[in-house]
């Protein structure tokens, strides 16, 4: 029925959110070019702030620890994105 279809559509809809994350030392994105990073399907990197400079991300831009990354993404991808970008402590 139409009522059931509307109910399903309402609960399947994703919500877009803006997210600010800091590229952590040892993360899977640090030292890599943006074009080489496999972000989740619904993630768009819209800005990178390095120190006092703002950068429009390009495929050749290499990320370093401490870069502030600004994303537009679905709320369902935030946890995956955070895991990619957060600092990783490596065992010695």
C-alpha atoms as a PDB file:
ATOM      1  CA  UNK A   1       0.000   0.000   0.000  1.00  0.00           C
ATOM      2  CA  UNK A   2       0.945   3.638  -0.383  1.00  0.00           C
ATOM      3  CA  UNK A   3       1.137   4.155   3.369  1.00  0.00           C
ATOM      4  CA  UNK A   4       3.647   1.311   3.812  1.00  0.00           C
ATOM      5  CA  UNK A   5       5.776   2.575   0.906  1.00  0.00           C
ATOM      6  CA  UNK A   6       5.906   6.079   2.436  1.00  0.00           C
ATOM      7  CA  UNK A   7       6.873   4.606   5.821  1.00  0.00           C
ATOM      8  CA  UNK A   8       9.730   2.604   4.278  1.00  0.00           C
ATOM      9  CA  UNK A   9      10.959   5.578   2.238  1.00  0.00           C
ATOM     10  CA  UNK A  10      10.995   7.773   5.363  1.00  0.00           C
ATOM     11  CA  UNK A  11      13.181   5.313   7.274  1.00  0.00           C
ATOM     12  CA  UNK A  12      15.527   4.587   4.370  1.00  0.00           C
ATOM     13  CA  UNK A  13      16.390   8.242   3.742  1.00  0.00           C
ATOM     14  CA  UNK A  14      19.918   9.279   4.658  1.00  0.00           C
ATOM     15  CA  UNK A  15      20.750  12.617   6.204  1.00  0.00           C
ATOM     16  CA  UNK A  16      23.634  14.735   4.898  1.00  0.00           C
ATOM     17  CA  UNK A  17      25.984  16.158   7.522  1.00  0.00           C
ATOM     18  CA  UNK A  18      29.087  18.343   7.506  1.00  0.00           C
ATOM     19  CA  UNK A  19      31.997  16.821   9.422  1.00  0.00           C
ATOM     20  CA  UNK A  20      35.330  18.296  10.570  1.00  0.00           C
ATOM     21  CA  UNK A  21      38.091  15.795  11.323  1.00  0.00           C
ATOM     22  CA  UNK A  22      41.815  16.151  11.984  1.00  0.00           C
ATOM     23  CA  UNK A  23      44.174  13.896  10.023  1.00  0.00           C
ATOM     24  CA  UNK A  24      45.909  11.938  12.765  1.00  0.00           C
ATOM     25  CA  UNK A  25      49.476  10.683  12.751  1.00  0.00           C
ATOM     26  CA  UNK A  26      49.617   7.142  11.437  1.00  0.00           C
ATOM     27  CA  UNK A  27      46.130   7.290   9.942  1.00  0.00           C
ATOM     28  CA  UNK A  28      45.405   5.678   6.611  1.00  0.00           C
ATOM     29  CA  UNK A  29      45.105   9.082   4.897  1.00  0.00           C
ATOM     30  CA  UNK A  30      48.334  10.770   6.040  1.00  0.00           C
ATOM     31  CA  UNK A  31      51.117  10.805   3.451  1.00  0.00           C
ATOM     32  CA  UNK A  32      48.683   9.984   0.655  1.00  0.00           C
ATOM     33  CA  UNK A  33      47.335  12.049  -2.196  1.00  0.00           C
ATOM     34  CA  UNK A  34      43.607  12.754  -2.006  1.00  0.00           C
ATOM     35  CA  UNK A  35      43.050  11.114  -5.381  1.00  0.00           C
ATOM     36  CA  UNK A  36      44.541   7.850  -4.058  1.00  0.00           C
ATOM     37  CA  UNK A  37      42.288   7.612  -1.005  1.00  0.00           C
ATOM     38  CA  UNK A  38      39.209   5.379  -1.271  1.00  0.00           C
ATOM     39  CA  UNK A  39      36.692   7.400   0.708  1.00  0.00           C
ATOM     40  CA  UNK A  40      33.228   5.846   1.174  1.00  0.00           C
ATOM     41  CA  UNK A  41      30.854   6.326  -1.753  1.00  0.00           C
ATOM     42  CA  UNK A  42      28.808   9.201  -0.294  1.00  0.00           C
ATOM     43  CA  UNK A  43      31.747  11.237   1.058  1.00  0.00           C
ATOM     44  CA  UNK A  44      32.932  14.513  -0.464  1.00  0.00           C
ATOM     45  CA  UNK A  45      36.055  16.266   0.865  1.00  0.00           C
ATOM     46  CA  UNK A  46      35.240  19.944   0.425  1.00  0.00           C
ATOM     47  CA  UNK A  47      38.110  21.768   2.167  1.00  0.00           C
ATOM     48  CA  UNK A  48      41.484  21.220   3.842  1.00  0.00           C
ATOM     49  CA  UNK A  49      42.883  23.672   6.390  1.00  0.00           C
ATOM     50  CA  UNK A  50      46.613  23.469   7.034  1.00  0.00           C
ATOM     51  CA  UNK A  51      47.757  25.939   9.649  1.00  0.00           C
ATOM     52  CA  UNK A  52      46.265  29.269   8.628  1.00  0.00           C
ATOM     53  CA  UNK A  53      45.834  28.279   4.959  1.00  0.00           C
ATOM     54  CA  UNK A  54      42.687  26.948   3.317  1.00  0.00           C
ATOM     55  CA  UNK A  55      43.035  24.562   0.370  1.00  0.00           C
ATOM     56  CA  UNK A  56      40.510  23.384  -2.181  1.00  0.00           C
ATOM     57  CA  UNK A  57      41.240  19.666  -2.321  1.00  0.00           C
ATOM     58  CA  UNK A  58      42.664  18.392  -5.582  1.00  0.00           C
ATOM     59  CA  UNK A  59      43.619  14.807  -6.465  1.00  0.00           C
ATOM     60  CA  UNK A  60      47.356  15.619  -6.129  1.00  0.00           C
ATOM     61  CA  UNK A  61      47.128  17.289  -2.694  1.00  0.00           C
ATOM     62  CA  UNK A  62      49.019  15.199  -0.097  1.00  0.00           C
ATOM     63  CA  UNK A  63      47.672  15.107   3.458  1.00  0.00           C
ATOM     64  CA  UNK A  64      49.894  15.549   6.514  1.00  0.00           C
ATOM     65  CA  UNK A  65      49.216  15.047  10.231  1.00  0.00           C
ATOM     66  CA  UNK A  66      47.225  17.921  11.688  1.00  0.00           C
ATOM     67  CA  UNK A  67      45.383  18.832   8.490  1.00  0.00           C
ATOM     68  CA  UNK A  68      41.771  19.768   9.234  1.00  0.00           C
ATOM     69  CA  UNK A  69      39.512  17.960   6.780  1.00  0.00           C
ATOM     70  CA  UNK A  70      35.988  19.157   6.035  1.00  0.00           C
ATOM     71  CA  UNK A  71      33.582  16.616   4.563  1.00  0.00           C
ATOM     72  CA  UNK A  72      30.004  16.476   3.374  1.00  0.00           C
ATOM     73  CA  UNK A  73      28.704  12.969   3.905  1.00  0.00           C
ATOM     74  CA  UNK A  74      25.759  10.796   4.850  1.00  0.00           C
ATOM     75  CA  UNK A  75      25.261  10.350   8.570  1.00  0.00           C
ATOM     76  CA  UNK A  76      25.689   6.609   8.076  1.00  0.00           C
ATOM     77  CA  UNK A  77      29.296   7.071   6.860  1.00  0.00           C
ATOM     78  CA  UNK A  78      30.602   9.223   9.736  1.00  0.00           C
ATOM     79  CA  UNK A  79      31.925   6.303  11.823  1.00  0.00           C
ATOM     80  CA  UNK A  80      33.795   4.778   8.863  1.00  0.00           C
ATOM     81  CA  UNK A  81      35.234   8.151   7.894  1.00  0.00           C
ATOM     82  CA  UNK A  82      36.345   8.861  11.462  1.00  0.00           C
ATOM     83  CA  UNK A  83      38.103   5.493  11.648  1.00  0.00           C
ATOM     84  CA  UNK A  84      40.002   6.271   8.416  1.00  0.00           C
ATOM     85  CA  UNK A  85      41.231   9.668   9.592  1.00  0.00           C
ATOM     86  CA  UNK A  86      41.898   9.217  13.313  1.00  0.00           C
ATOM     87  CA  UNK A  87      45.380   8.846  14.796  1.00  0.00           C
ATOM     88  CA  UNK A  88      46.806   5.349  14.994  1.00  0.00           C
ATOM     89  CA  UNK A  89      49.480   4.446  17.488  1.00  0.00           C
ATOM     90  CA  UNK A  90      51.892   1.952  16.041  1.00  0.00           C
ATOM     91  CA  UNK A  91      53.545  -0.720  18.164  1.00  0.00           C
ATOM     92  CA  UNK A  92      57.309  -0.548  18.296  1.00  0.00           C
END
